[in-house]
PDB file of N, CA and C in Angstrom:
ATOM      1  N   UNK A   1     216.799 161.689  74.033  1.00  0.00           N
ATOM      2  CA  UNK A   1     216.730 160.311  73.330  1.00  0.00           C
ATOM      3  C   UNK A   1     216.657 160.937  72.267  1.00  0.00           C
ATOM      4  N   UNK A   2     217.039 159.476  71.059  1.00  0.00           N
ATOM      5  CA  UNK A   2     216.659 160.241  69.205  1.00  0.00           C
ATOM      6  C   UNK A   2     215.009 158.973  69.957  1.00  0.00           C
ATOM      7  N   UNK A   3     213.881 159.472  69.134  1.00  0.00           N
ATOM      8  CA  UNK A   3     212.456 159.125  68.047  1.00  0.00           C
ATOM      9  C   UNK A   3     212.562 157.791  68.202  1.00  0.00           C
ATOM     10  N   UNK A   4     211.944 156.236  68.343  1.00  0.00           N
ATOM     11  CA  UNK A   4     211.996 155.163  67.798  1.00  0.00           C
ATOM     12  C   UNK A   4     210.648 155.277  67.531  1.00  0.00           C
ATOM     13  N   UNK A   5     210.662 154.255  66.388  1.00  0.00           N
ATOM     14  CA  UNK A   5     209.298 153.658  65.651  1.00  0.00           C
ATOM     15  C   UNK A   5     208.370 152.868  66.832  1.00  0.00           C
ATOM     16  N   UNK A   6     209.599 152.056  67.659  1.00  0.00           N
ATOM     17  CA  UNK A   6     209.061 150.314  68.227  1.00  0.00           C
ATOM     18  C   UNK A   6     208.265 151.592  69.779  1.00  0.00           C
ATOM     19  N   UNK A   7     209.900 151.407  69.685  1.00  0.00           N
ATOM     20  CA  UNK A   7     209.573 152.417  71.042  1.00  0.00           C
ATOM     21  C   UNK A   7     209.104 153.617  71.954  1.00  0.00           C
ATOM     22  N   UNK A   8     208.176 153.672  72.627  1.00  0.00           N
ATOM     23  CA  UNK A   8     207.534 155.060  73.312  1.00  0.00           C
ATOM     24  C   UNK A   8     208.640 155.744  74.531  1.00  0.00           C
ATOM     25  N   UNK A   9     208.381 156.992  74.782  1.00  0.00           N
ATOM     26  CA  UNK A   9     209.259 157.510  75.313  1.00  0.00           C
ATOM     27  C   UNK A   9     209.425 156.708  77.026  1.00  0.00           C
ATOM     28  N   UNK A  10     208.015 156.545  77.629  1.00  0.00           N
ATOM     29  CA  UNK A  10     208.771 155.989  78.284  1.00  0.00           C
ATOM     30  C   UNK A  10     209.335 154.607  78.628  1.00  0.00           C
ATOM     31  N   UNK A  11     209.324 153.937  77.855  1.00  0.00           N
ATOM     32  CA  UNK A  11     209.693 153.323  77.292  1.00  0.00           C
ATOM     33  C   UNK A  11     211.544 153.284  77.242  1.00  0.00           C
ATOM     34  N   UNK A  12     211.542 154.231  76.502  1.00  0.00           N
ATOM     35  CA  UNK A  12     213.373 154.292  76.536  1.00  0.00           C
ATOM     36  C   UNK A  12     214.004 154.765  77.964  1.00  0.00           C
ATOM     37  N   UNK A  13     213.415 155.586  78.232  1.00  0.00           N
ATOM     38  CA  UNK A  13     213.480 155.387  79.815  1.00  0.00           C
ATOM     39  C   UNK A  13     213.926 154.456  80.528  1.00  0.00           C
ATOM     40  N   UNK A  14     213.066 153.939  81.161  1.00  0.00           N
ATOM     41  CA  UNK A  14     212.989 152.687  81.276  1.00  0.00           C
ATOM     42  C   UNK A  14     214.064 152.026  81.265  1.00  0.00           C
ATOM     43  N   UNK A  15     214.229 151.383  79.755  1.00  0.00           N
ATOM     44  CA  UNK A  15     215.627 151.048  79.189  1.00  0.00           C
ATOM     45  C   UNK A  15     216.707 151.169  79.691  1.00  0.00           C
ATOM     46  N   UNK A  16     216.270 153.083  79.455  1.00  0.00           N
ATOM     47  CA  UNK A  16     217.839 153.576  79.933  1.00  0.00           C
ATOM     48  C   UNK A  16     218.086 153.515  81.530  1.00  0.00           C
ATOM     49  N   UNK A  17     216.889 153.762  82.279  1.00  0.00           N
ATOM     50  CA  UNK A  17     217.527 153.506  83.378  1.00  0.00           C
ATOM     51  C   UNK A  17     218.323 151.859  84.239  1.00  0.00           C
ATOM     52  N   UNK A  18     217.416 151.197  82.951  1.00  0.00           N
ATOM     53  CA  UNK A  18     217.972 149.618  83.916  1.00  0.00           C
ATOM     54  C   UNK A  18     219.543 149.845  83.647  1.00  0.00           C
ATOM     55  N   UNK A  19     219.921 150.396  81.716  1.00  0.00           N
ATOM     56  CA  UNK A  19     220.817 149.735  81.830  1.00  0.00           C
ATOM     57  C   UNK A  19     222.476 150.711  82.803  1.00  0.00           C
ATOM     58  N   UNK A  20     221.802 151.944  82.721  1.00  0.00           N
ATOM     59  CA  UNK A  20     222.680 153.242  84.103  1.00  0.00           C
ATOM     60  C   UNK A  20     222.483 152.310  85.556  1.00  0.00           C
ATOM     61  N   UNK A  21     221.487 151.146  85.931  1.00  0.00           N
ATOM     62  CA  UNK A  21     221.499 150.404  86.840  1.00  0.00           C
ATOM     63  C   UNK A  21     222.820 149.512  86.710  1.00  0.00           C
ATOM     64  N   UNK A  22     222.498 148.987  85.800  1.00  0.00           N
ATOM     65  CA  UNK A  22     223.380 147.782  85.194  1.00  0.00           C
ATOM     66  C   UNK A  22     224.953 147.752  85.159  1.00  0.00           C
ATOM     67  N   UNK A  23     224.963 149.078  85.198  1.00  0.00           N
ATOM     68  CA  UNK A  23     226.589 150.140  85.366  1.00  0.00           C
ATOM     69  C   UNK A  23     226.548 150.044  86.307  1.00  0.00           C
ATOM     70  N   UNK A  24     225.959 150.717  86.984  1.00  0.00           N
ATOM     71  CA  UNK A  24     225.549 150.440  88.828  1.00  0.00           C
ATOM     72  C   UNK A  24     226.231 149.556  89.775  1.00  0.00           C
ATOM     73  N   UNK A  25     225.588 148.425  89.452  1.00  0.00           N
ATOM     74  CA  UNK A  25     226.327 146.819  89.635  1.00  0.00           C
ATOM     75  C   UNK A  25     227.140 146.252  89.283  1.00  0.00           C
ATOM     76  N   UNK A  26     227.762 146.724  88.280  1.00  0.00           N
ATOM     77  CA  UNK A  26     228.990 146.357  87.668  1.00  0.00           C
ATOM     78  C   UNK A  26     230.396 146.503  88.224  1.00  0.00           C
ATOM     79  N   UNK A  27     230.172 148.524  87.840  1.00  0.00           N
ATOM     80  CA  UNK A  27     230.930 149.209  89.093  1.00  0.00           C
ATOM     81  C   UNK A  27     230.673 148.163  90.370  1.00  0.00           C
ATOM     82  N   UNK A  28     229.620 148.794  91.248  1.00  0.00           N
ATOM     83  CA  UNK A  28     229.781 148.218  92.622  1.00  0.00           C
ATOM     84  C   UNK A  28     229.207 147.553  93.413  1.00  0.00           C
ATOM     85  N   UNK A  29     229.062 146.043  92.546  1.00  0.00           N
ATOM     86  CA  UNK A  29     228.731 145.347  92.374  1.00  0.00           C
ATOM     87  C   UNK A  29     227.210 145.441  93.312  1.00  0.00           C
ATOM     88  N   UNK A  30     226.018 144.253  93.630  1.00  0.00           N
ATOM     89  CA  UNK A  30     224.940 145.002  94.478  1.00  0.00           C
ATOM     90  C   UNK A  30     224.677 144.814  95.324  1.00  0.00           C
ATOM     91  N   UNK A  31     223.956 145.794  94.959  1.00  0.00           N
ATOM     92  CA  UNK A  31     222.999 146.957  96.853  1.00  0.00           C
ATOM     93  C   UNK A  31     222.038 146.839  96.956  1.00  0.00           C
ATOM     94  N   UNK A  32     221.926 147.567  98.438  1.00  0.00           N
ATOM     95  CA  UNK A  32     220.544 146.749  98.652  1.00  0.00           C
ATOM     96  C   UNK A  32     219.880 148.604  97.888  1.00  0.00           C
ATOM     97  N   UNK A  33     220.320 149.369  97.760  1.00  0.00           N
ATOM     98  CA  UNK A  33     219.128 149.502  96.820  1.00  0.00           C
ATOM     99  C   UNK A  33     218.622 149.999  94.830  1.00  0.00           C
ATOM    100  N   UNK A  34     220.045 149.187  94.592  1.00  0.00           N
ATOM    101  CA  UNK A  34     220.103 148.118  93.427  1.00  0.00           C
ATOM    102  C   UNK A  34     219.057 147.092  93.190  1.00  0.00           C
ATOM    103  N   UNK A  35     219.309 146.983  94.506  1.00  0.00           N
ATOM    104  CA  UNK A  35     218.285 145.555  94.614  1.00  0.00           C
ATOM    105  C   UNK A  35     216.945 146.511  94.639  1.00  0.00           C
ATOM    106  N   UNK A  36     216.325 147.550  94.770  1.00  0.00           N
ATOM    107  CA  UNK A  36     215.597 148.048  95.177  1.00  0.00           C
ATOM    108  C   UNK A  36     214.732 147.836  93.655  1.00  0.00           C
ATOM    109  N   UNK A  37     215.602 148.745  93.537  1.00  0.00           N
ATOM    110  CA  UNK A  37     215.696 149.530  91.624  1.00  0.00           C
ATOM    111  C   UNK A  37     214.923 148.400  90.828  1.00  0.00           C
ATOM    112  N   UNK A  38     215.316 147.187  90.989  1.00  0.00           N
ATOM    113  CA  UNK A  38     215.550 146.628  89.516  1.00  0.00           C
ATOM    114  C   UNK A  38     213.877 145.925  90.308  1.00  0.00           C
ATOM    115  N   UNK A  39     213.492 145.726  91.793  1.00  0.00           N
ATOM    116  CA  UNK A  39     212.041 145.406  91.393  1.00  0.00           C
ATOM    117  C   UNK A  39     211.472 146.588  91.276  1.00  0.00           C
ATOM    118  N   UNK A  40     211.323 148.040  91.308  1.00  0.00           N
ATOM    119  CA  UNK A  40     210.513 148.847  90.519  1.00  0.00           C
ATOM    120  C   UNK A  40     210.484 148.766  89.092  1.00  0.00           C
ATOM    121  N   UNK A  41     211.124 148.387  88.483  1.00  0.00           N
ATOM    122  CA  UNK A  41     211.232 148.431  87.249  1.00  0.00           C
ATOM    123  C   UNK A  41     210.909 147.687  87.141  1.00  0.00           C
ATOM    124  N   UNK A  42     210.688 146.671  87.692  1.00  0.00           N
ATOM    125  CA  UNK A  42     210.640 144.459  86.938  1.00  0.00           C
ATOM    126  C   UNK A  42     208.987 144.395  86.345  1.00  0.00           C
ATOM    127  N   UNK A  43     208.627 144.214  86.485  1.00  0.00           N
ATOM    128  CA  UNK A  43     207.188 145.497  86.201  1.00  0.00           C
ATOM    129  C   UNK A  43     207.176 146.248  84.482  1.00  0.00           C
ATOM    130  N   UNK A  44     207.443 146.700  84.447  1.00  0.00           N
ATOM    131  CA  UNK A  44     207.579 148.234  83.441  1.00  0.00           C
ATOM    132  C   UNK A  44     208.198 147.156  82.545  1.00  0.00           C
ATOM    133  N   UNK A  45     209.673 146.055  83.344  1.00  0.00           N
ATOM    134  CA  UNK A  45     210.287 146.104  81.680  1.00  0.00           C
ATOM    135  C   UNK A  45     209.362 144.715  81.053  1.00  0.00           C
ATOM    136  N   UNK A  46     208.034 143.644  82.259  1.00  0.00           N
ATOM    137  CA  UNK A  46     207.538 142.901  81.916  1.00  0.00           C
ATOM    138  C   UNK A  46     207.173 143.289  80.544  1.00  0.00           C
ATOM    139  N   UNK A  47     206.701 144.186  81.164  1.00  0.00           N
ATOM    140  CA  UNK A  47     205.118 144.922  79.665  1.00  0.00           C
ATOM    141  C   UNK A  47     206.425 145.668  78.355  1.00  0.00           C
ATOM    142  N   UNK A  48     206.840 145.940  78.764  1.00  0.00           N
ATOM    143  CA  UNK A  48     208.249 145.998  77.664  1.00  0.00           C
ATOM    144  C   UNK A  48     208.282 144.915  76.665  1.00  0.00           C
ATOM    145  N   UNK A  49     208.832 143.863  77.085  1.00  0.00           N
ATOM    146  CA  UNK A  49     209.494 142.643  77.038  1.00  0.00           C
ATOM    147  C   UNK A  49     207.315 142.049  76.131  1.00  0.00           C
ATOM    148  N   UNK A  50     207.337 141.987  77.206  1.00  0.00           N
ATOM    149  CA  UNK A  50     205.252 141.113  76.331  1.00  0.00           C
ATOM    150  C   UNK A  50     204.514 141.964  75.536  1.00  0.00           C
ATOM    151  N   UNK A  51     205.216 143.666  75.021  1.00  0.00           N
ATOM    152  CA  UNK A  51     205.576 143.927  73.946  1.00  0.00           C
ATOM    153  C   UNK A  51     205.383 143.630  72.987  1.00  0.00           C
ATOM    154  N   UNK A  52     206.572 143.966  73.286  1.00  0.00           N
ATOM    155  CA  UNK A  52     207.700 143.249  71.551  1.00  0.00           C
ATOM    156  C   UNK A  52     208.036 141.588  71.602  1.00  0.00           C
ATOM    157  N   UNK A  53     207.219 140.882  72.618  1.00  0.00           N
ATOM    158  CA  UNK A  53     207.962 139.363  71.653  1.00  0.00           C
ATOM    159  C   UNK A  53     206.894 139.320  71.367  1.00  0.00           C
ATOM    160  N   UNK A  54     205.511 139.553  70.209  1.00  0.00           N
ATOM    161  CA  UNK A  54     205.041 138.960  69.794  1.00  0.00           C
ATOM    162  C   UNK A  54     204.961 140.077  67.940  1.00  0.00           C
ATOM    163  N   UNK A  55     206.331 140.951  68.630  1.00  0.00           N
ATOM    164  CA  UNK A  55     206.420 141.487  66.818  1.00  0.00           C
ATOM    165  C   UNK A  55     207.776 140.289  66.464  1.00  0.00           C
ATOM    166  N   UNK A  56     208.422 139.941  67.727  1.00  0.00           N
ATOM    167  CA  UNK A  56     209.266 138.545  67.073  1.00  0.00           C
ATOM    168  C   UNK A  56     208.716 137.871  66.887  1.00  0.00           C
TER     169      UNK A  56
END
């Protein structure tokens, strides 16, 4: 992954996992595993949004 000034490595990984999950949902539909993964990522995604909402 490319280093950026705004996103740290953990945030980049979280967003990459979300993109991978979104692709899986589009291909396979919403499954119980996908729902659990969304729940697991939810708090990390919220932290990213809150961190960068003030930048905008």
